[in-house]
Protein backbone atom coordinates (compact mmCIF):
# COMPACT_ATOMS: atom_id res chain seq x y z
CA UNK A 1 20.18 -79.48 40.36
CA UNK A 2 19.14 -81.97 37.68
CA UNK A 3 19.64 -81.35 33.96
CA UNK A 4 17.17 -82.62 31.36
CA UNK A 5 17.19 -82.98 27.59
CA UNK A 6 14.08 -83.34 25.46
CA UNK A 7 13.71 -84.07 21.74
CA UNK A 8 10.88 -81.94 20.41
CA UNK A 9 8.24 -83.06 17.94
CA UNK A 10 6.31 -80.95 15.44
CA UNK A 11 8.33 -77.75 15.88
CA UNK A 12 11.24 -75.96 14.21
CA UNK A 13 13.34 -76.44 17.35
CA UNK A 14 14.88 -79.89 17.67
CA UNK A 15 15.84 -80.13 21.36
CA UNK A 16 15.32 -78.39 24.68
CA UNK A 17 17.78 -78.47 27.57
CA UNK A 18 16.99 -77.17 31.04
CA UNK A 19 17.66 -77.68 34.72
CA UNK A 20 15.28 -78.00 37.64
CA UNK A 21 16.55 -76.82 41.00
CA UNK A 22 15.56 -78.20 44.39
CA UNK A 23 12.45 -76.00 44.45
CA UNK A 24 11.38 -77.23 40.96
CA UNK A 25 12.24 -73.90 39.35
CA UNK A 26 13.57 -73.74 35.79
CA UNK A 27 17.17 -72.79 35.20
CA UNK A 28 19.34 -72.50 32.07
CA UNK A 29 16.63 -73.19 29.48
CA UNK A 30 18.15 -73.64 26.01
CA UNK A 31 16.48 -74.49 22.70
CA UNK A 32 18.35 -75.99 19.75
CA UNK A 33 17.05 -74.73 16.42
CA UNK A 34 13.87 -72.76 15.95
CA UNK A 35 13.35 -69.00 15.92
CA UNK A 36 16.39 -67.80 17.81
CA UNK A 37 15.08 -64.45 19.06
CA UNK A 38 11.70 -65.77 20.17
CA UNK A 39 13.21 -68.76 21.92
CA UNK A 40 15.77 -66.62 23.72
CA UNK A 41 12.82 -64.55 24.92
CA UNK A 42 10.89 -67.63 26.09
CA UNK A 43 13.99 -68.93 27.85
CA UNK A 44 14.55 -65.68 29.71
CA UNK A 45 10.89 -65.29 30.63
CA UNK A 46 10.64 -68.74 32.23
CA UNK A 47 14.00 -68.53 34.04
CA UNK A 48 13.34 -69.00 37.76
CA UNK A 49 9.65 -69.84 37.32
CA UNK A 50 8.13 -72.83 39.07
CA UNK A 51 7.82 -75.80 36.73
CA UNK A 52 4.06 -76.14 37.30
CA UNK A 53 3.52 -72.46 36.44
CA UNK A 54 5.38 -72.85 33.13
CA UNK A 55 3.30 -75.93 32.29
CA UNK A 56 0.10 -74.01 33.03
CA UNK A 57 1.09 -70.94 30.99
CA UNK A 58 2.77 -72.63 28.01
CA UNK A 59 0.82 -75.86 27.63
CA UNK A 60 -1.55 -75.90 24.66
CA UNK A 61 -0.02 -72.97 22.77
CA UNK A 62 -0.09 -73.61 19.03
CA UNK A 63 2.16 -72.24 16.29
CA UNK A 64 0.10 -71.34 13.25
CA UNK A 65 -1.64 -74.47 11.97
CA UNK A 66 0.64 -76.82 13.90
CA UNK A 67 -0.82 -78.81 16.78
CA UNK A 68 2.02 -77.67 19.07
CA UNK A 69 4.65 -74.94 19.51
CA UNK A 70 8.04 -74.51 21.13
CA UNK A 71 6.47 -73.25 24.40
CA UNK A 72 4.03 -76.20 24.33
CA UNK A 73 6.95 -78.58 23.78
CA UNK A 74 8.71 -76.99 26.76
CA UNK A 75 5.67 -77.76 28.90
CA UNK A 76 5.77 -81.38 27.68
CA UNK A 77 9.49 -81.57 28.48
CA UNK A 78 8.85 -80.30 32.00
CA UNK A 79 6.02 -82.79 32.55
CA UNK A 80 8.32 -85.61 31.48
CA UNK A 81 11.12 -84.36 33.75
CA UNK A 82 8.82 -84.10 36.76
CA UNK A 83 7.57 -87.63 36.14
CA UNK A 84 11.16 -88.93 36.17
CA UNK A 85 11.96 -87.35 39.53
């Protein structure tokens, strides 16, 4: 299992940590900063999901007038992690 760290941009959260298992499923997703309750919910909802499914569901979500959101940043983090593997 590989662990990844990602510095977010344009969101209240500052970093995202997660693991990808051998089947490219998300494990142990953790956000640093941001809206604690919402991000705990996001983390639990994506636990065990295939990376590509999370990218598809979370990519492009916006937070208010911001061009991105914490779920969108998670999708970017996953894309980057997959590209490194």
